[in-house]
Amino acid sequence: MAEEPKNPGIKPGAVKLVVAGGPGPAAAYVLGDAPLRIGRVPGNEVVVNEAAVSSKHAEFQIEDGFLVVRDLGSRNGLFVNGNRVLSSAVTDGDVVRLGSHVTVTVEIPSMRK
């Protein structure tokens, strides 16, 4: 029987997402209570003007103490540390790629030793 992953107890405000690879400079966003959506069109919390990023590409949210990223039906996929996923728990140091070259680096200082 597989072991349940230990709940890291991530809280709103403890996660920083660093978005890079779009046409502008890298930018950091702190994840609060609400989901943070990334896409190419206005209406997303993070708008990335990059052709390989779908209009509504991905969503980050804290669920029961875990940080979860979900593909919102993107055309070019969502990758966590190089592996294509539809949904995945992520942690400090993970790199999430949207499309071909937009990356989101997860920073959770409270998880560092």
PDB file of N, CA and C in Angstrom:
ATOM      1  N   MET A   1       0.845  -1.174   0.000  1.00  0.00           N
ATOM      2  CA  MET A   1       0.000   0.000   0.000  1.00  0.00           C
ATOM      3  C   MET A   1       0.892   1.239   0.000  1.00  0.00           C
ATOM      4  N   ALA A   2       0.560   2.193  -0.873  1.00  0.00           N
ATOM      5  CA  ALA A   2       1.345   3.430  -0.985  1.00  0.00           C
ATOM      6  C   ALA A   2       1.103   4.314   0.223  1.00  0.00           C
ATOM      7  N   GLU A   3       2.184   4.961   0.655  1.00  0.00           N
ATOM      8  CA  GLU A   3       2.091   5.877   1.794  1.00  0.00           C
ATOM      9  C   GLU A   3       1.488   7.202   1.357  1.00  0.00           C
ATOM     10  N   GLU A   4       0.624   7.761   2.202  1.00  0.00           N
ATOM     11  CA  GLU A   4       0.058   9.095   1.952  1.00  0.00           C
ATOM     12  C   GLU A   4       1.184  10.116   2.081  1.00  0.00           C
ATOM     13  N   PRO A   5       1.242  11.105   1.166  1.00  0.00           N
ATOM     14  CA  PRO A   5       2.265  12.140   1.338  1.00  0.00           C
ATOM     15  C   PRO A   5       1.981  12.961   2.593  1.00  0.00           C
ATOM     16  N   LYS A   6       3.056  13.332   3.289  1.00  0.00           N
ATOM     17  CA  LYS A   6       2.915  14.132   4.502  1.00  0.00           C
ATOM     18  C   LYS A   6       2.398  15.524   4.121  1.00  0.00           C
ATOM     19  N   ASN A   7       1.380  15.966   4.821  1.00  0.00           N
ATOM     20  CA  ASN A   7       0.793  17.273   4.552  1.00  0.00           C
ATOM     21  C   ASN A   7       1.771  18.360   4.986  1.00  0.00           C
ATOM     22  N   PRO A   8       2.216  19.197   4.021  1.00  0.00           N
ATOM     23  CA  PRO A   8       3.184  20.246   4.371  1.00  0.00           C
ATOM     24  C   PRO A   8       2.569  21.429   5.114  1.00  0.00           C
ATOM     25  N   GLY A   9       1.242  21.512   5.152  1.00  0.00           N
ATOM     26  CA  GLY A   9       0.585  22.599   5.885  1.00  0.00           C
ATOM     27  C   GLY A   9       0.838  23.977   5.312  1.00  0.00           C
ATOM     28  N   ILE A  10       0.885  24.085   3.981  1.00  0.00           N
ATOM     29  CA  ILE A  10       1.136  25.372   3.323  1.00  0.00           C
ATOM     30  C   ILE A  10      -0.053  26.301   3.567  1.00  0.00           C
ATOM     31  N   LYS A  11       0.259  27.531   3.913  1.00  0.00           N
ATOM     32  CA  LYS A  11      -0.775  28.525   4.221  1.00  0.00           C
ATOM     33  C   LYS A  11      -0.747  29.654   3.188  1.00  0.00           C
ATOM     34  N   PRO A  12      -1.894  30.324   2.971  1.00  0.00           N
ATOM     35  CA  PRO A  12      -1.915  31.486   2.078  1.00  0.00           C
ATOM     36  C   PRO A  12      -0.876  32.520   2.515  1.00  0.00           C
ATOM     37  N   GLY A  13      -0.207  33.108   1.552  1.00  0.00           N
ATOM     38  CA  GLY A  13       0.821  34.107   1.831  1.00  0.00           C
ATOM     39  C   GLY A  13       2.209  33.516   1.978  1.00  0.00           C
ATOM     40  N   ALA A  14       2.321  32.168   2.056  1.00  0.00           N
ATOM     41  CA  ALA A  14       3.619  31.523   2.254  1.00  0.00           C
ATOM     42  C   ALA A  14       4.278  31.104   0.939  1.00  0.00           C
ATOM     43  N   VAL A  15       3.569  31.280  -0.174  1.00  0.00           N
ATOM     44  CA  VAL A  15       4.057  30.812  -1.476  1.00  0.00           C
ATOM     45  C   VAL A  15       4.328  31.994  -2.390  1.00  0.00           C
ATOM     46  N   LYS A  16       5.529  31.977  -3.004  1.00  0.00           N
ATOM     47  CA  LYS A  16       5.853  32.960  -4.034  1.00  0.00           C
ATOM     48  C   LYS A  16       6.050  32.201  -5.340  1.00  0.00           C
ATOM     49  N   LEU A  17       5.424  32.689  -6.406  1.00  0.00           N
ATOM     50  CA  LEU A  17       5.549  32.104  -7.733  1.00  0.00           C
ATOM     51  C   LEU A  17       6.290  33.104  -8.614  1.00  0.00           C
ATOM     52  N   VAL A  18       7.431  32.684  -9.163  1.00  0.00           N
ATOM     53  CA  VAL A  18       8.247  33.561 -10.002  1.00  0.00           C
ATOM     54  C   VAL A  18       8.043  33.153 -11.460  1.00  0.00           C
ATOM     55  N   VAL A  19       7.401  34.047 -12.216  1.00  0.00           N
ATOM     56  CA  VAL A  19       7.060  33.781 -13.611  1.00  0.00           C
ATOM     57  C   VAL A  19       8.113  34.422 -14.505  1.00  0.00           C
ATOM     58  N   ALA A  20       8.693  33.624 -15.412  1.00  0.00           N
ATOM     59  CA  ALA A  20       9.742  34.106 -16.312  1.00  0.00           C
ATOM     60  C   ALA A  20       9.553  33.489 -17.703  1.00  0.00           C
ATOM     61  N   GLY A  21      10.211  34.087 -18.682  1.00  0.00           N
ATOM     62  CA  GLY A  21      10.224  33.520 -20.025  1.00  0.00           C
ATOM     63  C   GLY A  21       9.270  34.172 -20.998  1.00  0.00           C
ATOM     64  N   GLY A  22       8.413  35.064 -20.523  1.00  0.00           N
ATOM     65  CA  GLY A  22       7.532  35.807 -21.425  1.00  0.00           C
ATOM     66  C   GLY A  22       8.287  36.985 -22.009  1.00  0.00           C
ATOM     67  N   PRO A  23       7.575  37.871 -22.682  1.00  0.00           N
ATOM     68  CA  PRO A  23       8.251  39.008 -23.301  1.00  0.00           C
ATOM     69  C   PRO A  23       8.781  40.044 -22.307  1.00  0.00           C
ATOM     70  N   GLY A  24       8.260  40.089 -21.099  1.00  0.00           N
ATOM     71  CA  GLY A  24       8.711  41.066 -20.110  1.00  0.00           C
ATOM     72  C   GLY A  24       9.684  40.436 -19.125  1.00  0.00           C
ATOM     73  N   PRO A  25      10.112  41.221 -18.139  1.00  0.00           N
ATOM     74  CA  PRO A  25      11.020  40.682 -17.123  1.00  0.00           C
ATOM     75  C   PRO A  25      10.290  39.703 -16.203  1.00  0.00           C
ATOM     76  N   ALA A  26      11.052  38.893 -15.492  1.00  0.00           N
ATOM     77  CA  ALA A  26      10.466  37.962 -14.516  1.00  0.00           C
ATOM     78  C   ALA A  26       9.705  38.763 -13.464  1.00  0.00           C
ATOM     79  N   ALA A  27       8.638  38.173 -12.951  1.00  0.00           N
ATOM     80  CA  ALA A  27       7.829  38.835 -11.929  1.00  0.00           C
ATOM     81  C   ALA A  27       7.418  37.817 -10.885  1.00  0.00           C
ATOM     82  N   ALA A  28       7.319  38.259  -9.632  1.00  0.00           N
ATOM     83  CA  ALA A  28       6.950  37.373  -8.522  1.00  0.00           C
ATOM     84  C   ALA A  28       5.550  37.705  -8.031  1.00  0.00           C
ATOM     85  N   TYR A  29       4.806  36.666  -7.677  1.00  0.00           N
ATOM     86  CA  TYR A  29       3.432  36.805  -7.189  1.00  0.00           C
ATOM     87  C   TYR A  29       3.289  35.979  -5.919  1.00  0.00           C
ATOM     88  N   VAL A  30       2.648  36.550  -4.906  1.00  0.00           N
ATOM     89  CA  VAL A  30       2.380  35.819  -3.664  1.00  0.00           C
ATOM     90  C   VAL A  30       0.984  35.222  -3.777  1.00  0.00           C
ATOM     91  N   LEU A  31       0.881  33.933  -3.484  1.00  0.00           N
ATOM     92  CA  LEU A  31      -0.389  33.224  -3.573  1.00  0.00           C
ATOM     93  C   LEU A  31      -1.159  33.389  -2.273  1.00  0.00           C
ATOM     94  N   GLY A  32      -2.365  33.922  -2.381  1.00  0.00           N
ATOM     95  CA  GLY A  32      -3.225  34.121  -1.212  1.00  0.00           C
ATOM     96  C   GLY A  32      -4.279  33.038  -1.119  1.00  0.00           C
ATOM     97  N   ASP A  33      -5.464  33.411  -0.617  1.00  0.00           N
ATOM     98  CA  ASP A  33      -6.567  32.459  -0.469  1.00  0.00           C
ATOM     99  C   ASP A  33      -7.172  32.048  -1.806  1.00  0.00           C
ATOM    100  N   ALA A  34      -7.237  32.968  -2.745  1.00  0.00           N
ATOM    101  CA  ALA A  34      -7.884  32.697  -4.028  1.00  0.00           C
ATOM    102  C   ALA A  34      -6.918  32.015  -4.989  1.00  0.00           C
ATOM    103  N   PRO A  35      -7.447  31.236  -5.936  1.00  0.00           N
ATOM    104  CA  PRO A  35      -6.590  30.639  -6.959  1.00  0.00           C
ATOM    105  C   PRO A  35      -5.884  31.727  -7.772  1.00  0.00           C
ATOM    106  N   LEU A  36      -4.712  31.418  -8.276  1.00  0.00           N
ATOM    107  CA  LEU A  36      -3.982  32.325  -9.145  1.00  0.00           C
ATOM    108  C   LEU A  36      -3.945  31.680 -10.526  1.00  0.00           C
ATOM    109  N   ARG A  37      -4.593  32.324 -11.497  1.00  0.00           N
ATOM    110  CA  ARG A  37      -4.671  31.789 -12.854  1.00  0.00           C
ATOM    111  C   ARG A  37      -3.687  32.531 -13.753  1.00  0.00           C
ATOM    112  N   ILE A  38      -3.060  31.747 -14.633  1.00  0.00           N
ATOM    113  CA  ILE A  38      -2.097  32.291 -15.580  1.00  0.00           C
ATOM    114  C   ILE A  38      -2.601  31.995 -16.988  1.00  0.00           C
ATOM    115  N   GLY A  39      -2.576  33.014 -17.836  1.00  0.00           N
ATOM    116  CA  GLY A  39      -3.002  32.830 -19.221  1.00  0.00           C
ATOM    117  C   GLY A  39      -2.630  34.031 -20.058  1.00  0.00           C
ATOM    118  N   ARG A  40      -3.065  33.984 -21.311  1.00  0.00           N
ATOM    119  CA  ARG A  40      -2.674  35.007 -22.272  1.00  0.00           C
ATOM    120  C   ARG A  40      -3.632  36.196 -22.328  1.00  0.00           C
ATOM    121  N   VAL A  41      -4.820  36.066 -21.757  1.00  0.00           N
ATOM    122  CA  VAL A  41      -5.830  37.127 -21.910  1.00  0.00           C
ATOM    123  C   VAL A  41      -6.143  37.798 -20.573  1.00  0.00           C
ATOM    124  N   PRO A  42      -6.625  39.047 -20.620  1.00  0.00           N
ATOM    125  CA  PRO A  42      -7.070  39.719 -19.397  1.00  0.00           C
ATOM    126  C   PRO A  42      -8.147  38.880 -18.709  1.00  0.00           C
ATOM    127  N   GLY A  43      -8.211  39.009 -17.408  1.00  0.00           N
ATOM    128  CA  GLY A  43      -9.130  38.198 -16.604  1.00  0.00           C
ATOM    129  C   GLY A  43      -8.374  37.167 -15.789  1.00  0.00           C
ATOM    130  N   ASN A  44      -7.147  36.847 -16.210  1.00  0.00           N
ATOM    131  CA  ASN A  44      -6.251  36.005 -15.415  1.00  0.00           C
ATOM    132  C   ASN A  44      -5.526  36.904 -14.418  1.00  0.00           C
ATOM    133  N   GLU A  45      -5.147  36.355 -13.280  1.00  0.00           N
ATOM    134  CA  GLU A  45      -4.371  37.138 -12.313  1.00  0.00           C
ATOM    135  C   GLU A  45      -2.984  37.459 -12.866  1.00  0.00           C
ATOM    136  N   VAL A  46      -2.437  36.541 -13.674  1.00  0.00           N
ATOM    137  CA  VAL A  46      -1.142  36.758 -14.329  1.00  0.00           C
ATOM    138  C   VAL A  46      -1.363  36.618 -15.833  1.00  0.00           C
ATOM    139  N   VAL A  47      -1.111  37.694 -16.565  1.00  0.00           N
ATOM    140  CA  VAL A  47      -1.265  37.676 -18.021  1.00  0.00           C
ATOM    141  C   VAL A  47       0.125  37.612 -18.648  1.00  0.00           C
ATOM    142  N   VAL A  48       0.329  36.586 -19.502  1.00  0.00           N
ATOM    143  CA  VAL A  48       1.604  36.383 -20.179  1.00  0.00           C
ATOM    144  C   VAL A  48       1.349  36.465 -21.681  1.00  0.00           C
ATOM    145  N   ASN A  49       1.908  37.482 -22.317  1.00  0.00           N
ATOM    146  CA  ASN A  49       1.706  37.689 -23.749  1.00  0.00           C
ATOM    147  C   ASN A  49       2.702  36.827 -24.527  1.00  0.00           C
ATOM    148  N   GLU A  50       2.391  35.547 -24.608  1.00  0.00           N
ATOM    149  CA  GLU A  50       3.265  34.567 -25.258  1.00  0.00           C
ATOM    150  C   GLU A  50       2.361  33.611 -26.044  1.00  0.00           C
ATOM    151  N   ALA A  51       2.629  33.433 -27.341  1.00  0.00           N
ATOM    152  CA  ALA A  51       1.760  32.647 -28.221  1.00  0.00           C
ATOM    153  C   ALA A  51       1.555  31.205 -27.745  1.00  0.00           C
ATOM    154  N   ALA A  52       2.553  30.588 -27.131  1.00  0.00           N
ATOM    155  CA  ALA A  52       2.435  29.191 -26.696  1.00  0.00           C
ATOM    156  C   ALA A  52       1.631  29.026 -25.410  1.00  0.00           C
ATOM    157  N   VAL A  53       1.274  30.140 -24.759  1.00  0.00           N
ATOM    158  CA  VAL A  53       0.458  30.099 -23.541  1.00  0.00           C
ATOM    159  C   VAL A  53      -0.996  30.267 -23.959  1.00  0.00           C
ATOM    160  N   SER A  54      -1.859  29.379 -23.474  1.00  0.00           N
ATOM    161  CA  SER A  54      -3.287  29.435 -23.810  1.00  0.00           C
ATOM    162  C   SER A  54      -3.962  30.602 -23.103  1.00  0.00           C
ATOM    163  N   SER A  55      -5.158  30.945 -23.581  1.00  0.00           N
ATOM    164  CA  SER A  55      -5.875  32.071 -22.992  1.00  0.00           C
ATOM    165  C   SER A  55      -6.102  31.868 -21.501  1.00  0.00           C
ATOM    166  N   LYS A  56      -6.459  30.672 -21.092  1.00  0.00           N
ATOM    167  CA  LYS A  56      -6.553  30.281 -19.671  1.00  0.00           C
ATOM    168  C   LYS A  56      -5.743  29.003 -19.542  1.00  0.00           C
ATOM    169  N   HIS A  57      -4.501  29.128 -19.142  1.00  0.00           N
ATOM    170  CA  HIS A  57      -3.555  28.014 -19.224  1.00  0.00           C
ATOM    171  C   HIS A  57      -3.497  27.166 -17.953  1.00  0.00           C
ATOM    172  N   ALA A  58      -3.243  27.798 -16.805  1.00  0.00           N
ATOM    173  CA  ALA A  58      -3.021  27.030 -15.577  1.00  0.00           C
ATOM    174  C   ALA A  58      -3.517  27.787 -14.358  1.00  0.00           C
ATOM    175  N   GLU A  59      -3.694  27.039 -13.279  1.00  0.00           N
ATOM    176  CA  GLU A  59      -4.175  27.611 -12.018  1.00  0.00           C
ATOM    177  C   GLU A  59      -3.386  27.009 -10.862  1.00  0.00           C
ATOM    178  N   PHE A  60      -2.937  27.876  -9.958  1.00  0.00           N
ATOM    179  CA  PHE A  60      -2.280  27.456  -8.716  1.00  0.00           C
ATOM    180  C   PHE A  60      -3.245  27.730  -7.570  1.00  0.00           C
ATOM    181  N   GLN A  61      -3.324  26.782  -6.621  1.00  0.00           N
ATOM    182  CA  GLN A  61      -4.211  26.962  -5.471  1.00  0.00           C
ATOM    183  C   GLN A  61      -3.715  26.106  -4.312  1.00  0.00           C
ATOM    184  N   ILE A  62      -3.926  26.623  -3.097  1.00  0.00           N
ATOM    185  CA  ILE A  62      -3.618  25.842  -1.903  1.00  0.00           C
ATOM    186  C   ILE A  62      -4.871  25.071  -1.532  1.00  0.00           C
ATOM    187  N   GLU A  63      -4.717  23.738  -1.420  1.00  0.00           N
ATOM    188  CA  GLU A  63      -5.835  22.863  -1.083  1.00  0.00           C
ATOM    189  C   GLU A  63      -5.425  21.938   0.056  1.00  0.00           C
ATOM    190  N   ASP A  64      -6.087  22.059   1.187  1.00  0.00           N
ATOM    191  CA  ASP A  64      -5.821  21.195   2.341  1.00  0.00           C
ATOM    192  C   ASP A  64      -4.338  21.143   2.696  1.00  0.00           C
ATOM    193  N   GLY A  65      -3.661  22.289   2.622  1.00  0.00           N
ATOM    194  CA  GLY A  65      -2.256  22.366   3.010  1.00  0.00           C
ATOM    195  C   GLY A  65      -1.263  22.032   1.914  1.00  0.00           C
ATOM    196  N   PHE A  66      -1.742  21.637   0.739  1.00  0.00           N
ATOM    197  CA  PHE A  66      -0.875  21.323  -0.402  1.00  0.00           C
ATOM    198  C   PHE A  66      -1.008  22.421  -1.450  1.00  0.00           C
ATOM    199  N   LEU A  67       0.089  22.716  -2.166  1.00  0.00           N
ATOM    200  CA  LEU A  67       0.038  23.623  -3.301  1.00  0.00           C
ATOM    201  C   LEU A  67      -0.193  22.768  -4.544  1.00  0.00           C
ATOM    202  N   VAL A  68      -1.270  23.068  -5.271  1.00  0.00           N
ATOM    203  CA  VAL A  68      -1.659  22.274  -6.437  1.00  0.00           C
ATOM    204  C   VAL A  68      -1.679  23.167  -7.669  1.00  0.00           C
ATOM    205  N   VAL A  69      -1.163  22.637  -8.792  1.00  0.00           N
ATOM    206  CA  VAL A  69      -1.253  23.325 -10.081  1.00  0.00           C
ATOM    207  C   VAL A  69      -2.101  22.450 -11.001  1.00  0.00           C
ATOM    208  N   ARG A  70      -2.962  23.116 -11.791  1.00  0.00           N
ATOM    209  CA  ARG A  70      -3.850  22.410 -12.719  1.00  0.00           C
ATOM    210  C   ARG A  70      -3.759  23.019 -14.111  1.00  0.00           C
ATOM    211  N   ASP A  71      -3.784  22.158 -15.107  1.00  0.00           N
ATOM    212  CA  ASP A  71      -3.911  22.580 -16.491  1.00  0.00           C
ATOM    213  C   ASP A  71      -5.387  22.914 -16.722  1.00  0.00           C
ATOM    214  N   LEU A  72      -5.675  24.058 -17.283  1.00  0.00           N
ATOM    215  CA  LEU A  72      -7.058  24.481 -17.517  1.00  0.00           C
ATOM    216  C   LEU A  72      -7.497  24.202 -18.955  1.00  0.00           C
ATOM    217  N   GLY A  73      -6.985  23.110 -19.535  1.00  0.00           N
ATOM    218  CA  GLY A  73      -7.340  22.747 -20.905  1.00  0.00           C
ATOM    219  C   GLY A  73      -6.452  23.421 -21.931  1.00  0.00           C
ATOM    220  N   SER A  74      -5.199  23.660 -21.563  1.00  0.00           N
ATOM    221  CA  SER A  74      -4.279  24.367 -22.455  1.00  0.00           C
ATOM    222  C   SER A  74      -3.977  23.565 -23.721  1.00  0.00           C
ATOM    223  N   ARG A  75      -3.571  24.266 -24.739  1.00  0.00           N
ATOM    224  CA  ARG A  75      -3.221  23.674 -26.030  1.00  0.00           C
ATOM    225  C   ARG A  75      -1.818  23.051 -25.995  1.00  0.00           C
ATOM    226  N   ASN A  76      -0.879  23.679 -25.295  1.00  0.00           N
ATOM    227  CA  ASN A  76       0.518  23.239 -25.337  1.00  0.00           C
ATOM    228  C   ASN A  76       1.010  22.558 -24.070  1.00  0.00           C
ATOM    229  N   GLY A  77       0.142  22.332 -23.111  1.00  0.00           N
ATOM    230  CA  GLY A  77       0.487  21.516 -21.959  1.00  0.00           C
ATOM    231  C   GLY A  77       1.073  22.256 -20.771  1.00  0.00           C
ATOM    232  N   LEU A  78       1.115  21.501 -19.689  1.00  0.00           N
ATOM    233  CA  LEU A  78       1.639  21.951 -18.398  1.00  0.00           C
ATOM    234  C   LEU A  78       2.640  20.896 -17.944  1.00  0.00           C
ATOM    235  N   PHE A  79       3.825  21.331 -17.554  1.00  0.00           N
ATOM    236  CA  PHE A  79       4.905  20.412 -17.196  1.00  0.00           C
ATOM    237  C   PHE A  79       5.447  20.773 -15.815  1.00  0.00           C
ATOM    238  N   VAL A  80       5.613  19.776 -14.955  1.00  0.00           N
ATOM    239  CA  VAL A  80       6.219  19.964 -13.643  1.00  0.00           C
ATOM    240  C   VAL A  80       7.540  19.214 -13.643  1.00  0.00           C
ATOM    241  N   ASN A  81       8.622  19.955 -13.504  1.00  0.00           N
ATOM    242  CA  ASN A  81       9.970  19.380 -13.525  1.00  0.00           C
ATOM    243  C   ASN A  81      10.169  18.482 -14.745  1.00  0.00           C
ATOM    244  N   GLY A  82       9.636  18.920 -15.893  1.00  0.00           N
ATOM    245  CA  GLY A  82       9.831  18.213 -17.156  1.00  0.00           C
ATOM    246  C   GLY A  82       8.780  17.170 -17.498  1.00  0.00           C
ATOM    247  N   ASN A  83       7.885  16.846 -16.581  1.00  0.00           N
ATOM    248  CA  ASN A  83       6.869  15.822 -16.817  1.00  0.00           C
ATOM    249  C   ASN A  83       5.517  16.470 -17.090  1.00  0.00           C
ATOM    250  N   ARG A  84       4.869  16.073 -18.187  1.00  0.00           N
ATOM    251  CA  ARG A  84       3.557  16.641 -18.514  1.00  0.00           C
ATOM    252  C   ARG A  84       2.517  16.142 -17.520  1.00  0.00           C
ATOM    253  N   VAL A  85       1.702  17.061 -17.004  1.00  0.00           N
ATOM    254  CA  VAL A  85       0.680  16.726 -16.010  1.00  0.00           C
ATOM    255  C   VAL A  85      -0.615  17.465 -16.340  1.00  0.00           C
ATOM    256  N   LEU A  86      -1.713  16.944 -15.822  1.00  0.00           N
ATOM    257  CA  LEU A  86      -2.984  17.668 -15.855  1.00  0.00           C
ATOM    258  C   LEU A  86      -3.183  18.391 -14.535  1.00  0.00           C
ATOM    259  N   SER A  87      -2.700  17.763 -13.452  1.00  0.00           N
ATOM    260  CA  SER A  87      -2.790  18.325 -12.107  1.00  0.00           C
ATOM    261  C   SER A  87      -1.684  17.696 -11.278  1.00  0.00           C
ATOM    262  N   SER A  88      -1.086  18.495 -10.398  1.00  0.00           N
ATOM    263  CA  SER A  88       0.004  17.964  -9.579  1.00  0.00           C
ATOM    264  C   SER A  88       0.204  18.820  -8.339  1.00  0.00           C
ATOM    265  N   ALA A  89       0.554  18.166  -7.237  1.00  0.00           N
ATOM    266  CA  ALA A  89       1.036  18.902  -6.070  1.00  0.00           C
ATOM    267  C   ALA A  89       2.455  19.357  -6.399  1.00  0.00           C
ATOM    268  N   VAL A  90       2.803  20.573  -6.003  1.00  0.00           N
ATOM    269  CA  VAL A  90       4.150  21.090  -6.221  1.00  0.00           C
ATOM    270  C   VAL A  90       4.696  21.626  -4.905  1.00  0.00           C
ATOM    271  N   THR A  91       6.017  21.754  -4.843  1.00  0.00           N
ATOM    272  CA  THR A  91       6.655  22.180  -3.610  1.00  0.00           C
ATOM    273  C   THR A  91       7.816  23.116  -3.906  1.00  0.00           C
ATOM    274  N   ASP A  92       8.483  23.566  -2.863  1.00  0.00           N
ATOM    275  CA  ASP A  92       9.594  24.509  -2.989  1.00  0.00           C
ATOM    276  C   ASP A  92      10.644  23.994  -3.975  1.00  0.00           C
ATOM    277  N   GLY A  93      11.009  24.845  -4.935  1.00  0.00           N
ATOM    278  CA  GLY A  93      12.043  24.509  -5.903  1.00  0.00           C
ATOM    279  C   GLY A  93      11.526  23.878  -7.184  1.00  0.00           C
ATOM    280  N   ASP A  94      10.261  23.452  -7.216  1.00  0.00           N
ATOM    281  CA  ASP A  94       9.719  22.878  -8.440  1.00  0.00           C
ATOM    282  C   ASP A  94       9.620  23.952  -9.517  1.00  0.00           C
ATOM    283  N   VAL A  95       9.794  23.520 -10.764  1.00  0.00           N
ATOM    284  CA  VAL A  95       9.666  24.414 -11.906  1.00  0.00           C
ATOM    285  C   VAL A  95       8.513  23.906 -12.771  1.00  0.00           C
ATOM    286  N   VAL A  96       7.539  24.785 -12.975  1.00  0.00           N
ATOM    287  CA  VAL A  96       6.369  24.479 -13.787  1.00  0.00           C
ATOM    288  C   VAL A  96       6.535  25.224 -15.104  1.00  0.00           C
ATOM    289  N   ARG A  97       6.366  24.494 -16.222  1.00  0.00           N
ATOM    290  CA  ARG A  97       6.503  25.117 -17.542  1.00  0.00           C
ATOM    291  C   ARG A  97       5.146  25.157 -18.224  1.00  0.00           C
ATOM    292  N   LEU A  98       4.827  26.311 -18.780  1.00  0.00           N
ATOM    293  CA  LEU A  98       3.599  26.512 -19.540  1.00  0.00           C
ATOM    294  C   LEU A  98       3.992  26.657 -20.993  1.00  0.00           C
ATOM    295  N   GLY A  99       3.465  25.798 -21.849  1.00  0.00           N
ATOM    296  CA  GLY A  99       3.827  25.877 -23.261  1.00  0.00           C
ATOM    297  C   GLY A  99       5.293  25.571 -23.468  1.00  0.00           C
ATOM    298  N   SER A 100       5.941  26.344 -24.347  1.00  0.00           N
ATOM    299  CA  SER A 100       7.316  26.013 -24.697  1.00  0.00           C
ATOM    300  C   SER A 100       8.393  26.625 -23.816  1.00  0.00           C
ATOM    301  N   HIS A 101       8.186  27.858 -23.304  1.00  0.00           N
ATOM    302  CA  HIS A 101       9.284  28.427 -22.520  1.00  0.00           C
ATOM    303  C   HIS A 101       8.903  29.406 -21.419  1.00  0.00           C
ATOM    304  N   VAL A 102       7.674  29.426 -20.991  1.00  0.00           N
ATOM    305  CA  VAL A 102       7.314  30.235 -19.824  1.00  0.00           C
ATOM    306  C   VAL A 102       7.415  29.337 -18.601  1.00  0.00           C
ATOM    307  N   THR A 103       8.176  29.772 -17.604  1.00  0.00           N
ATOM    308  CA  THR A 103       8.345  28.962 -16.400  1.00  0.00           C
ATOM    309  C   THR A 103       7.804  29.682 -15.167  1.00  0.00           C
ATOM    310  N   VAL A 104       7.374  28.868 -14.218  1.00  0.00           N
ATOM    311  CA  VAL A 104       6.948  29.360 -12.907  1.00  0.00           C
ATOM    312  C   VAL A 104       7.756  28.574 -11.883  1.00  0.00           C
ATOM    313  N   THR A 105       8.611  29.268 -11.152  1.00  0.00           N
ATOM    314  CA  THR A 105       9.407  28.628 -10.108  1.00  0.00           C
ATOM    315  C   THR A 105       8.693  28.818  -8.776  1.00  0.00           C
ATOM    316  N   VAL A 106       8.502  27.712  -8.062  1.00  0.00           N
ATOM    317  CA  VAL A 106       7.797  27.722  -6.782  1.00  0.00           C
ATOM    318  C   VAL A 106       8.797  28.008  -5.666  1.00  0.00           C
ATOM    319  N   GLU A 107       8.488  29.011  -4.840  1.00  0.00           N
ATOM    320  CA  GLU A 107       9.322  29.333  -3.682  1.00  0.00           C
ATOM    321  C   GLU A 107       8.455  29.300  -2.430  1.00  0.00           C
ATOM    322  N   ILE A 108       8.815  28.392  -1.516  1.00  0.00           N
ATOM    323  CA  ILE A 108       8.127  28.276  -0.222  1.00  0.00           C
ATOM    324  C   ILE A 108       9.214  28.256   0.852  1.00  0.00           C
ATOM    325  N   PRO A 109       9.661  29.438   1.294  1.00  0.00           N
ATOM    326  CA  PRO A 109      10.783  29.509   2.237  1.00  0.00           C
ATOM    327  C   PRO A 109      10.587  28.666   3.494  1.00  0.00           C
ATOM    328  N   SER A 110       9.375  28.537   3.988  1.00  0.00           N
ATOM    329  CA  SER A 110       9.149  27.773   5.213  1.00  0.00           C
ATOM    330  C   SER A 110       9.446  26.285   5.062  1.00  0.00           C
ATOM    331  N   MET A 111       9.588  25.803   3.828  1.00  0.00           N
ATOM    332  CA  MET A 111       9.880  24.380   3.587  1.00  0.00           C
ATOM    333  C   MET A 111      11.376  24.109   3.447  1.00  0.00           C
ATOM    334  N   ARG A 112      12.177  25.161   3.454  1.00  0.00           N
ATOM    335  CA  ARG A 112      13.628  24.977   3.290  1.00  0.00           C
ATOM    336  C   ARG A 112      14.255  24.596   4.628  1.00  0.00           C
ATOM    337  N   LYS A 113      15.263  23.759   4.565  1.00  0.00           N
ATOM    338  CA  LYS A 113      15.928  23.303   5.790  1.00  0.00           C
ATOM    339  C   LYS A 113      17.083  24.203   6.146  1.00  0.00           C
TER     340      LYS A 113
END
